[in-house]
Amino acid sequence: MKNSKFDPPLQGKFSTELAIISFAIGTFLLILQKMAPDNFNILFIGLLYVQFAILVNGILFFNLAYHFIILPKHREYIGIKILILLANIPITILYILIVFNINLLKF
């Protein structure tokens, strides 16, 4: 019997960790902002963090997309990692809507 060991690309594990860390920092900043809504510094730090997270997550996304193309045997694994990384986008949009009190459901 042939022993087949699955050796996923290293950035796959890192992308999941980055997505979780990005989510945790964003949630922490949202809670801080809601606890001190008049503190402009927290809002400023949060907006800088969003820009930084877009840059870092974007770079990792393009890295994963590149590996998705060149490693056809690992496409399912890398595709799942891409989806995990992209899951932070709607969460970030929701957090921004909460911070700026934008109500999309105006009844």
PDB file of N, CA and C in Angstrom:
ATOM      1  N   MET A   1       0.833  -1.175   0.000  1.00  0.00           N
ATOM      2  CA  MET A   1       0.000   0.000   0.000  1.00  0.00           C
ATOM      3  C   MET A   1       0.880   1.242   0.000  1.00  0.00           C
ATOM      4  N   LYS A   2       0.551   2.145  -0.864  1.00  0.00           N
ATOM      5  CA  LYS A   2       1.340   3.356  -1.016  1.00  0.00           C
ATOM      6  C   LYS A   2       0.958   4.364   0.065  1.00  0.00           C
ATOM      7  N   ASN A   3       1.956   4.899   0.736  1.00  0.00           N
ATOM      8  CA  ASN A   3       1.718   5.899   1.772  1.00  0.00           C
ATOM      9  C   ASN A   3       1.753   7.280   1.130  1.00  0.00           C
ATOM     10  N   SER A   4       0.596   7.904   1.030  1.00  0.00           N
ATOM     11  CA  SER A   4       0.520   9.218   0.408  1.00  0.00           C
ATOM     12  C   SER A   4       0.328  10.269   1.486  1.00  0.00           C
ATOM     13  N   LYS A   5       1.289  11.132   1.587  1.00  0.00           N
ATOM     14  CA  LYS A   5       1.233  12.194   2.587  1.00  0.00           C
ATOM     15  C   LYS A   5       0.840  13.491   1.898  1.00  0.00           C
ATOM     16  N   PHE A   6      -0.199  14.124   2.439  1.00  0.00           N
ATOM     17  CA  PHE A   6      -0.655  15.399   1.890  1.00  0.00           C
ATOM     18  C   PHE A   6       0.201  16.506   2.485  1.00  0.00           C
ATOM     19  N   ASP A   7       0.908  17.210   1.651  1.00  0.00           N
ATOM     20  CA  ASP A   7       1.780  18.285   2.111  1.00  0.00           C
ATOM     21  C   ASP A   7       1.254  19.605   1.556  1.00  0.00           C
ATOM     22  N   PRO A   8       0.339  20.249   2.295  1.00  0.00           N
ATOM     23  CA  PRO A   8      -0.248  21.488   1.781  1.00  0.00           C
ATOM     24  C   PRO A   8       0.762  22.617   1.785  1.00  0.00           C
ATOM     25  N   PRO A   9       0.537  23.614   0.959  1.00  0.00           N
ATOM     26  CA  PRO A   9       1.438  24.763   0.942  1.00  0.00           C
ATOM     27  C   PRO A   9       1.450  25.460   2.300  1.00  0.00           C
ATOM     28  N   LEU A  10       2.593  25.977   2.659  1.00  0.00           N
ATOM     29  CA  LEU A  10       2.781  26.594   3.971  1.00  0.00           C
ATOM     30  C   LEU A  10       1.864  27.801   4.178  1.00  0.00           C
ATOM     31  N   GLN A  11       1.621  28.597   3.149  1.00  0.00           N
ATOM     32  CA  GLN A  11       0.818  29.796   3.318  1.00  0.00           C
ATOM     33  C   GLN A  11      -0.640  29.472   3.621  1.00  0.00           C
ATOM     34  N   GLY A  12      -1.080  28.244   3.415  1.00  0.00           N
ATOM     35  CA  GLY A  12      -2.447  27.853   3.739  1.00  0.00           C
ATOM     36  C   GLY A  12      -2.721  27.950   5.225  1.00  0.00           C
ATOM     37  N   LYS A  13      -1.817  27.442   6.034  1.00  0.00           N
ATOM     38  CA  LYS A  13      -1.974  27.522   7.485  1.00  0.00           C
ATOM     39  C   LYS A  13      -1.888  28.970   7.942  1.00  0.00           C
ATOM     40  N   PHE A  14      -0.946  29.705   7.390  1.00  0.00           N
ATOM     41  CA  PHE A  14      -0.769  31.105   7.771  1.00  0.00           C
ATOM     42  C   PHE A  14      -1.994  31.941   7.414  1.00  0.00           C
ATOM     43  N   SER A  15      -2.637  31.639   6.298  1.00  0.00           N
ATOM     44  CA  SER A  15      -3.798  32.429   5.888  1.00  0.00           C
ATOM     45  C   SER A  15      -4.954  32.275   6.880  1.00  0.00           C
ATOM     46  N   THR A  16      -5.150  31.082   7.408  1.00  0.00           N
ATOM     47  CA  THR A  16      -6.198  30.870   8.404  1.00  0.00           C
ATOM     48  C   THR A  16      -5.866  31.624   9.689  1.00  0.00           C
ATOM     49  N   GLU A  17      -4.616  31.553  10.110  1.00  0.00           N
ATOM     50  CA  GLU A  17      -4.203  32.280  11.307  1.00  0.00           C
ATOM     51  C   GLU A  17      -4.364  33.783  11.112  1.00  0.00           C
ATOM     52  N   LEU A  18      -3.993  34.285   9.936  1.00  0.00           N
ATOM     53  CA  LEU A  18      -4.132  35.712   9.651  1.00  0.00           C
ATOM     54  C   LEU A  18      -5.597  36.132   9.663  1.00  0.00           C
ATOM     55  N   ALA A  19      -6.469  35.313   9.101  1.00  0.00           N
ATOM     56  CA  ALA A  19      -7.900  35.638   9.089  1.00  0.00           C
ATOM     57  C   ALA A  19      -8.453  35.696  10.512  1.00  0.00           C
ATOM     58  N   ILE A  20      -8.058  34.764  11.354  1.00  0.00           N
ATOM     59  CA  ILE A  20      -8.541  34.747  12.740  1.00  0.00           C
ATOM     60  C   ILE A  20      -7.993  35.942  13.516  1.00  0.00           C
ATOM     61  N   ILE A  21      -6.725  36.242  13.334  1.00  0.00           N
ATOM     62  CA  ILE A  21      -6.122  37.377  14.028  1.00  0.00           C
ATOM     63  C   ILE A  21      -6.742  38.686  13.552  1.00  0.00           C
ATOM     64  N   SER A  22      -6.959  38.825  12.253  1.00  0.00           N
ATOM     65  CA  SER A  22      -7.599  40.033  11.722  1.00  0.00           C
ATOM     66  C   SER A  22      -9.001  40.207  12.295  1.00  0.00           C
ATOM     67  N   PHE A  23      -9.743  39.123  12.365  1.00  0.00           N
ATOM     68  CA  PHE A  23     -11.087  39.168  12.941  1.00  0.00           C
ATOM     69  C   PHE A  23     -11.031  39.578  14.412  1.00  0.00           C
ATOM     70  N   ALA A  24     -10.100  38.998  15.164  1.00  0.00           N
ATOM     71  CA  ALA A  24      -9.999  39.292  16.594  1.00  0.00           C
ATOM     72  C   ALA A  24      -9.614  40.747  16.843  1.00  0.00           C
ATOM     73  N   ILE A  25      -8.652  41.265  16.104  1.00  0.00           N
ATOM     74  CA  ILE A  25      -8.248  42.662  16.284  1.00  0.00           C
ATOM     75  C   ILE A  25      -9.382  43.597  15.892  1.00  0.00           C
ATOM     76  N   GLY A  26     -10.053  43.303  14.780  1.00  0.00           N
ATOM     77  CA  GLY A  26     -11.179  44.134  14.357  1.00  0.00           C
ATOM     78  C   GLY A  26     -12.305  44.137  15.376  1.00  0.00           C
ATOM     79  N   THR A  27     -12.607  42.984  15.937  1.00  0.00           N
ATOM     80  CA  THR A  27     -13.652  42.893  16.957  1.00  0.00           C
ATOM     81  C   THR A  27     -13.240  43.659  18.212  1.00  0.00           C
ATOM     82  N   PHE A  28     -11.982  43.539  18.609  1.00  0.00           N
ATOM     83  CA  PHE A  28     -11.483  44.264  19.779  1.00  0.00           C
ATOM     84  C   PHE A  28     -11.602  45.773  19.570  1.00  0.00           C
ATOM     85  N   LEU A  29     -11.219  46.258  18.379  1.00  0.00           N
ATOM     86  CA  LEU A  29     -11.316  47.687  18.100  1.00  0.00           C
ATOM     87  C   LEU A  29     -12.769  48.159  18.066  1.00  0.00           C
ATOM     88  N   LEU A  30     -13.671  47.326  17.553  1.00  0.00           N
ATOM     89  CA  LEU A  30     -15.090  47.678  17.548  1.00  0.00           C
ATOM     90  C   LEU A  30     -15.617  47.806  18.971  1.00  0.00           C
ATOM     91  N   ILE A  31     -15.259  46.862  19.829  1.00  0.00           N
ATOM     92  CA  ILE A  31     -15.710  46.907  21.230  1.00  0.00           C
ATOM     93  C   ILE A  31     -15.140  48.144  21.922  1.00  0.00           C
ATOM     94  N   LEU A  32     -13.861  48.446  21.685  1.00  0.00           N
ATOM     95  CA  LEU A  32     -13.260  49.645  22.275  1.00  0.00           C
ATOM     96  C   LEU A  32     -13.995  50.907  21.810  1.00  0.00           C
ATOM     97  N   GLN A  33     -14.298  50.956  20.529  1.00  0.00           N
ATOM     98  CA  GLN A  33     -14.967  52.143  19.990  1.00  0.00           C
ATOM     99  C   GLN A  33     -16.367  52.290  20.568  1.00  0.00           C
ATOM    100  N   LYS A  34     -17.058  51.188  20.776  1.00  0.00           N
ATOM    101  CA  LYS A  34     -18.405  51.247  21.339  1.00  0.00           C
ATOM    102  C   LYS A  34     -18.372  51.597  22.825  1.00  0.00           C
ATOM    103  N   MET A  35     -17.286  51.252  23.513  1.00  0.00           N
ATOM    104  CA  MET A  35     -17.159  51.600  24.927  1.00  0.00           C
ATOM    105  C   MET A  35     -16.821  53.089  25.105  1.00  0.00           C
ATOM    106  N   ALA A  36     -16.108  53.658  24.154  1.00  0.00           N
ATOM    107  CA  ALA A  36     -15.733  55.076  24.207  1.00  0.00           C
ATOM    108  C   ALA A  36     -16.064  55.735  22.872  1.00  0.00           C
ATOM    109  N   PRO A  37     -17.349  55.956  22.588  1.00  0.00           N
ATOM    110  CA  PRO A  37     -17.737  56.450  21.260  1.00  0.00           C
ATOM    111  C   PRO A  37     -17.244  57.863  20.939  1.00  0.00           C
ATOM    112  N   ASP A  38     -16.885  58.635  21.941  1.00  0.00           N
ATOM    113  CA  ASP A  38     -16.426  60.001  21.685  1.00  0.00           C
ATOM    114  C   ASP A  38     -14.917  60.091  21.488  1.00  0.00           C
ATOM    115  N   ASN A  39     -14.216  58.985  21.595  1.00  0.00           N
ATOM    116  CA  ASN A  39     -12.768  58.981  21.455  1.00  0.00           C
ATOM    117  C   ASN A  39     -12.406  58.845  19.973  1.00  0.00           C
ATOM    118  N   PHE A  40     -11.964  59.958  19.399  1.00  0.00           N
ATOM    119  CA  PHE A  40     -11.626  59.970  17.977  1.00  0.00           C
ATOM    120  C   PHE A  40     -10.383  59.130  17.691  1.00  0.00           C
ATOM    121  N   ASN A  41      -9.494  58.994  18.670  1.00  0.00           N
ATOM    122  CA  ASN A  41      -8.256  58.227  18.463  1.00  0.00           C
ATOM    123  C   ASN A  41      -8.550  56.761  18.149  1.00  0.00           C
ATOM    124  N   ILE A  42      -9.515  56.186  18.831  1.00  0.00           N
ATOM    125  CA  ILE A  42      -9.866  54.782  18.570  1.00  0.00           C
ATOM    126  C   ILE A  42     -10.424  54.633  17.162  1.00  0.00           C
ATOM    127  N   LEU A  43     -11.256  55.586  16.749  1.00  0.00           N
ATOM    128  CA  LEU A  43     -11.802  55.555  15.388  1.00  0.00           C
ATOM    129  C   LEU A  43     -10.687  55.665  14.358  1.00  0.00           C
ATOM    130  N   PHE A  44      -9.749  56.561  14.598  1.00  0.00           N
ATOM    131  CA  PHE A  44      -8.623  56.751  13.686  1.00  0.00           C
ATOM    132  C   PHE A  44      -7.763  55.487  13.604  1.00  0.00           C
ATOM    133  N   ILE A  45      -7.460  54.899  14.759  1.00  0.00           N
ATOM    134  CA  ILE A  45      -6.674  53.657  14.791  1.00  0.00           C
ATOM    135  C   ILE A  45      -7.424  52.541  14.063  1.00  0.00           C
ATOM    136  N   GLY A  46      -8.729  52.473  14.263  1.00  0.00           N
ATOM    137  CA  GLY A  46      -9.536  51.459  13.592  1.00  0.00           C
ATOM    138  C   GLY A  46      -9.508  51.604  12.077  1.00  0.00           C
ATOM    139  N   LEU A  47      -9.609  52.841  11.602  1.00  0.00           N
ATOM    140  CA  LEU A  47      -9.573  53.065  10.154  1.00  0.00           C
ATOM    141  C   LEU A  47      -8.188  52.756   9.576  1.00  0.00           C
ATOM    142  N   LEU A  48      -7.140  53.102  10.319  1.00  0.00           N
ATOM    143  CA  LEU A  48      -5.789  52.724   9.878  1.00  0.00           C
ATOM    144  C   LEU A  48      -5.633  51.206   9.852  1.00  0.00           C
ATOM    145  N   TYR A  49      -6.198  50.553  10.866  1.00  0.00           N
ATOM    146  CA  TYR A  49      -6.115  49.094  10.916  1.00  0.00           C
ATOM    147  C   TYR A  49      -6.833  48.461   9.712  1.00  0.00           C
ATOM    148  N   VAL A  50      -7.986  48.997   9.359  1.00  0.00           N
ATOM    149  CA  VAL A  50      -8.723  48.452   8.206  1.00  0.00           C
ATOM    150  C   VAL A  50      -7.877  48.570   6.946  1.00  0.00           C
ATOM    151  N   GLN A  51      -7.223  49.709   6.759  1.00  0.00           N
ATOM    152  CA  GLN A  51      -6.368  49.880   5.583  1.00  0.00           C
ATOM    153  C   GLN A  51      -5.189  48.903   5.604  1.00  0.00           C
ATOM    154  N   PHE A  52      -4.572  48.747   6.763  1.00  0.00           N
ATOM    155  CA  PHE A  52      -3.449  47.814   6.896  1.00  0.00           C
ATOM    156  C   PHE A  52      -3.906  46.382   6.640  1.00  0.00           C
ATOM    157  N   ALA A  53      -5.061  46.020   7.200  1.00  0.00           N
ATOM    158  CA  ALA A  53      -5.579  44.657   7.027  1.00  0.00           C
ATOM    159  C   ALA A  53      -5.922  44.387   5.560  1.00  0.00           C
ATOM    160  N   ILE A  54      -6.463  45.387   4.872  1.00  0.00           N
ATOM    161  CA  ILE A  54      -6.752  45.222   3.440  1.00  0.00           C
ATOM    162  C   ILE A  54      -5.465  44.950   2.675  1.00  0.00           C
ATOM    163  N   LEU A  55      -4.413  45.680   3.001  1.00  0.00           N
ATOM    164  CA  LEU A  55      -3.133  45.494   2.318  1.00  0.00           C
ATOM    165  C   LEU A  55      -2.554  44.098   2.571  1.00  0.00           C
ATOM    166  N   VAL A  56      -2.463  43.714   3.836  1.00  0.00           N
ATOM    167  CA  VAL A  56      -1.849  42.424   4.182  1.00  0.00           C
ATOM    168  C   VAL A  56      -2.700  41.257   3.673  1.00  0.00           C
ATOM    169  N   ASN A  57      -4.013  41.321   3.909  1.00  0.00           N
ATOM    170  CA  ASN A  57      -4.888  40.246   3.443  1.00  0.00           C
ATOM    171  C   ASN A  57      -4.939  40.196   1.918  1.00  0.00           C
ATOM    172  N   GLY A  58      -4.839  41.349   1.268  1.00  0.00           N
ATOM    173  CA  GLY A  58      -4.819  41.382  -0.191  1.00  0.00           C
ATOM    174  C   GLY A  58      -3.579  40.713  -0.761  1.00  0.00           C
ATOM    175  N   ILE A  59      -2.445  40.990  -0.146  1.00  0.00           N
ATOM    176  CA  ILE A  59      -1.200  40.354  -0.594  1.00  0.00           C
ATOM    177  C   ILE A  59      -1.300  38.839  -0.432  1.00  0.00           C
ATOM    178  N   LEU A  60      -1.804  38.401   0.706  1.00  0.00           N
ATOM    179  CA  LEU A  60      -1.938  36.964   0.934  1.00  0.00           C
ATOM    180  C   LEU A  60      -2.970  36.349  -0.009  1.00  0.00           C
ATOM    181  N   PHE A  61      -4.048  37.090  -0.305  1.00  0.00           N
ATOM    182  CA  PHE A  61      -5.046  36.582  -1.243  1.00  0.00           C
ATOM    183  C   PHE A  61      -4.417  36.331  -2.617  1.00  0.00           C
ATOM    184  N   PHE A  62      -3.637  37.297  -3.113  1.00  0.00           N
ATOM    185  CA  PHE A  62      -3.012  37.113  -4.426  1.00  0.00           C
ATOM    186  C   PHE A  62      -1.987  35.980  -4.397  1.00  0.00           C
ATOM    187  N   ASN A  63      -1.309  35.799  -3.275  1.00  0.00           N
ATOM    188  CA  ASN A  63      -0.389  34.678  -3.124  1.00  0.00           C
ATOM    189  C   ASN A  63      -1.151  33.353  -3.202  1.00  0.00           C
ATOM    190  N   LEU A  64      -2.268  33.275  -2.483  1.00  0.00           N
ATOM    191  CA  LEU A  64      -3.074  32.049  -2.526  1.00  0.00           C
ATOM    192  C   LEU A  64      -3.658  31.816  -3.921  1.00  0.00           C
ATOM    193  N   ALA A  65      -4.108  32.889  -4.565  1.00  0.00           N
ATOM    194  CA  ALA A  65      -4.654  32.745  -5.922  1.00  0.00           C
ATOM    195  C   ALA A  65      -3.589  32.237  -6.885  1.00  0.00           C
ATOM    196  N   TYR A  66      -2.371  32.731  -6.747  1.00  0.00           N
ATOM    197  CA  TYR A  66      -1.260  32.260  -7.571  1.00  0.00           C
ATOM    198  C   TYR A  66      -1.023  30.765  -7.347  1.00  0.00           C
ATOM    199  N   HIS A  67      -0.984  30.359  -6.078  1.00  0.00           N
ATOM    200  CA  HIS A  67      -0.767  28.944  -5.773  1.00  0.00           C
ATOM    201  C   HIS A  67      -1.966  28.084  -6.181  1.00  0.00           C
ATOM    202  N   PHE A  68      -3.147  28.665  -6.159  1.00  0.00           N
ATOM    203  CA  PHE A  68      -4.338  27.956  -6.629  1.00  0.00           C
ATOM    204  C   PHE A  68      -4.182  27.594  -8.110  1.00  0.00           C
ATOM    205  N   ILE A  69      -3.587  28.500  -8.870  1.00  0.00           N
ATOM    206  CA  ILE A  69      -3.409  28.278 -10.304  1.00  0.00           C
ATOM    207  C   ILE A  69      -2.288  27.274 -10.576  1.00  0.00           C
ATOM    208  N   ILE A  70      -1.161  27.411  -9.865  1.00  0.00           N
ATOM    209  CA  ILE A  70       0.003  26.578 -10.216  1.00  0.00           C
ATOM    210  C   ILE A  70       0.014  25.224  -9.513  1.00  0.00           C
ATOM    211  N   LEU A  71      -0.810  25.028  -8.503  1.00  0.00           N
ATOM    212  CA  LEU A  71      -0.828  23.744  -7.784  1.00  0.00           C
ATOM    213  C   LEU A  71      -2.204  23.084  -7.931  1.00  0.00           C
ATOM    214  N   PRO A  72      -2.475  22.471  -9.064  1.00  0.00           N
ATOM    215  CA  PRO A  72      -3.803  21.911  -9.278  1.00  0.00           C
ATOM    216  C   PRO A  72      -4.175  20.788  -8.310  1.00  0.00           C
ATOM    217  N   LYS A  73      -3.204  20.094  -7.760  1.00  0.00           N
ATOM    218  CA  LYS A  73      -3.510  19.012  -6.814  1.00  0.00           C
ATOM    219  C   LYS A  73      -3.999  19.534  -5.470  1.00  0.00           C
ATOM    220  N   HIS A  74      -3.719  20.788  -5.175  1.00  0.00           N
ATOM    221  CA  HIS A  74      -4.091  21.368  -3.878  1.00  0.00           C
ATOM    222  C   HIS A  74      -5.192  22.416  -4.001  1.00  0.00           C
ATOM    223  N   ARG A  75      -5.902  22.425  -5.116  1.00  0.00           N
ATOM    224  CA  ARG A  75      -6.891  23.478  -5.347  1.00  0.00           C
ATOM    225  C   ARG A  75      -8.019  23.492  -4.319  1.00  0.00           C
ATOM    226  N   GLU A  76      -8.491  22.343  -3.916  1.00  0.00           N
ATOM    227  CA  GLU A  76      -9.578  22.321  -2.935  1.00  0.00           C
ATOM    228  C   GLU A  76      -9.107  22.931  -1.613  1.00  0.00           C
ATOM    229  N   TYR A  77      -7.930  22.526  -1.170  1.00  0.00           N
ATOM    230  CA  TYR A  77      -7.370  23.037   0.083  1.00  0.00           C
ATOM    231  C   TYR A  77      -7.156  24.553   0.010  1.00  0.00           C
ATOM    232  N   ILE A  78      -6.526  25.011  -1.068  1.00  0.00           N
ATOM    233  CA  ILE A  78      -6.238  26.437  -1.220  1.00  0.00           C
ATOM    234  C   ILE A  78      -7.534  27.225  -1.406  1.00  0.00           C
ATOM    235  N   GLY A  79      -8.494  26.666  -2.118  1.00  0.00           N
ATOM    236  CA  GLY A  79      -9.783  27.334  -2.303  1.00  0.00           C
ATOM    237  C   GLY A  79     -10.495  27.579  -0.976  1.00  0.00           C
ATOM    238  N   ILE A  80     -10.436  26.600  -0.097  1.00  0.00           N
ATOM    239  CA  ILE A  80     -11.037  26.764   1.231  1.00  0.00           C
ATOM    240  C   ILE A  80     -10.309  27.861   2.004  1.00  0.00           C
ATOM    241  N   LYS A  81      -9.000  27.902   1.904  1.00  0.00           N
ATOM    242  CA  LYS A  81      -8.221  28.940   2.594  1.00  0.00           C
ATOM    243  C   LYS A  81      -8.550  30.325   2.048  1.00  0.00           C
ATOM    244  N   ILE A  82      -8.776  30.421   0.743  1.00  0.00           N
ATOM    245  CA  ILE A  82      -9.166  31.697   0.144  1.00  0.00           C
ATOM    246  C   ILE A  82     -10.528  32.128   0.686  1.00  0.00           C
ATOM    247  N   LEU A  83     -11.468  31.206   0.776  1.00  0.00           N
ATOM    248  CA  LEU A  83     -12.795  31.548   1.300  1.00  0.00           C
ATOM    249  C   LEU A  83     -12.736  31.982   2.761  1.00  0.00           C
ATOM    250  N   ILE A  84     -11.895  31.328   3.553  1.00  0.00           N
ATOM    251  CA  ILE A  84     -11.733  31.725   4.954  1.00  0.00           C
ATOM    252  C   ILE A  84     -11.175  33.142   5.032  1.00  0.00           C
ATOM    253  N   LEU A  85     -10.197  33.437   4.197  1.00  0.00           N
ATOM    254  CA  LEU A  85      -9.600  34.774   4.182  1.00  0.00           C
ATOM    255  C   LEU A  85     -10.616  35.823   3.740  1.00  0.00           C
ATOM    256  N   LEU A  86     -11.425  35.498   2.734  1.00  0.00           N
ATOM    257  CA  LEU A  86     -12.411  36.453   2.219  1.00  0.00           C
ATOM    258  C   LEU A  86     -13.616  36.634   3.139  1.00  0.00           C
ATOM    259  N   ALA A  87     -13.778  35.750   4.106  1.00  0.00           N
ATOM    260  CA  ALA A  87     -14.912  35.867   5.032  1.00  0.00           C
ATOM    261  C   ALA A  87     -14.832  37.129   5.879  1.00  0.00           C
ATOM    262  N   ASN A  88     -13.649  37.696   6.015  1.00  0.00           N
ATOM    263  CA  ASN A  88     -13.510  38.919   6.797  1.00  0.00           C
ATOM    264  C   ASN A  88     -14.072  40.151   6.088  1.00  0.00           C
ATOM    265  N   ILE A  89     -14.275  40.091   4.790  1.00  0.00           N
ATOM    266  CA  ILE A  89     -14.787  41.255   4.063  1.00  0.00           C
ATOM    267  C   ILE A  89     -16.185  41.644   4.523  1.00  0.00           C
ATOM    268  N   PRO A  90     -17.177  40.733   4.524  1.00  0.00           N
ATOM    269  CA  PRO A  90     -18.505  41.156   4.999  1.00  0.00           C
ATOM    270  C   PRO A  90     -18.520  41.521   6.478  1.00  0.00           C
ATOM    271  N   ILE A  91     -17.652  40.892   7.257  1.00  0.00           N
ATOM    272  CA  ILE A  91     -17.567  41.231   8.685  1.00  0.00           C
ATOM    273  C   ILE A  91     -17.063  42.664   8.838  1.00  0.00           C
ATOM    274  N   THR A  92     -16.042  43.038   8.075  1.00  0.00           N
ATOM    275  CA  THR A  92     -15.511  44.399   8.125  1.00  0.00           C
ATOM    276  C   THR A  92     -16.562  45.412   7.692  1.00  0.00           C
ATOM    277  N   ILE A  93     -17.302  45.103   6.642  1.00  0.00           N
ATOM    278  CA  ILE A  93     -18.357  46.013   6.181  1.00  0.00           C
ATOM    279  C   ILE A  93     -19.416  46.184   7.273  1.00  0.00           C
ATOM    280  N   LEU A  94     -19.804  45.099   7.911  1.00  0.00           N
ATOM    281  CA  LEU A  94     -20.777  45.172   9.003  1.00  0.00           C
ATOM    282  C   LEU A  94     -20.252  46.030  10.146  1.00  0.00           C
ATOM    283  N   TYR A  95     -18.988  45.850  10.515  1.00  0.00           N
ATOM    284  CA  TYR A  95     -18.395  46.637  11.601  1.00  0.00           C
ATOM    285  C   TYR A  95     -18.374  48.121  11.249  1.00  0.00           C
ATOM    286  N   ILE A  96     -18.045  48.452  10.005  1.00  0.00           N
ATOM    287  CA  ILE A  96     -18.037  49.860   9.580  1.00  0.00           C
ATOM    288  C   ILE A  96     -19.438  50.438   9.645  1.00  0.00           C
ATOM    289  N   LEU A  97     -20.428  49.671   9.219  1.00  0.00           N
ATOM    290  CA  LEU A  97     -21.816  50.136   9.307  1.00  0.00           C
ATOM    291  C   LEU A  97     -22.217  50.367  10.764  1.00  0.00           C
ATOM    292  N   ILE A  98     -21.778  49.517  11.661  1.00  0.00           N
ATOM    293  CA  ILE A  98     -22.091  49.665  13.084  1.00  0.00           C
ATOM    294  C   ILE A  98     -21.413  50.914  13.651  1.00  0.00           C
ATOM    295  N   VAL A  99     -20.145  51.109  13.325  1.00  0.00           N
ATOM    296  CA  VAL A  99     -19.393  52.248  13.872  1.00  0.00           C
ATOM    297  C   VAL A  99     -20.002  53.577  13.423  1.00  0.00           C
ATOM    298  N   PHE A 100     -20.379  53.663  12.164  1.00  0.00           N
ATOM    299  CA  PHE A 100     -20.904  54.920  11.647  1.00  0.00           C
ATOM    300  C   PHE A 100     -22.428  54.999  11.711  1.00  0.00           C
ATOM    301  N   ASN A 101     -23.034  54.065  12.407  1.00  0.00           N
ATOM    302  CA  ASN A 101     -24.503  54.033  12.627  1.00  0.00           C
ATOM    303  C   ASN A 101     -25.279  54.167  11.317  1.00  0.00           C
ATOM    304  N   ILE A 102     -24.869  53.402  10.337  1.00  0.00           N
ATOM    305  CA  ILE A 102     -25.556  53.401   9.036  1.00  0.00           C
ATOM    306  C   ILE A 102     -26.585  52.282   9.063  1.00  0.00           C
ATOM    307  N   ASN A 103     -27.851  52.650   8.925  1.00  0.00           N
ATOM    308  CA  ASN A 103     -28.931  51.671   8.947  1.00  0.00           C
ATOM    309  C   ASN A 103     -29.399  51.451   7.511  1.00  0.00           C
ATOM    310  N   LEU A 104     -29.091  50.276   6.978  1.00  0.00           N
ATOM    311  CA  LEU A 104     -29.490  49.966   5.605  1.00  0.00           C
ATOM    312  C   LEU A 104     -30.955  49.554   5.512  1.00  0.00           C
ATOM    313  N   LEU A 105     -31.541  49.185   6.635  1.00  0.00           N
ATOM    314  CA  LEU A 105     -32.944  48.732   6.664  1.00  0.00           C
ATOM    315  C   LEU A 105     -33.836  49.863   7.202  1.00  0.00           C
ATOM    316  N   LYS A 106     -33.961  50.910   6.438  1.00  0.00           N
ATOM    317  CA  LYS A 106     -34.752  52.058   6.894  1.00  0.00           C
ATOM    318  C   LYS A 106     -36.224  51.789   6.637  1.00  0.00           C
ATOM    319  N   PHE A 107     -36.927  51.518   7.716  1.00  0.00           N
ATOM    320  CA  PHE A 107     -38.359  51.251   7.613  1.00  0.00           C
ATOM    321  C   PHE A 107     -39.141  52.490   7.966  1.00  0.00           C
TER     322      PHE A 107
END
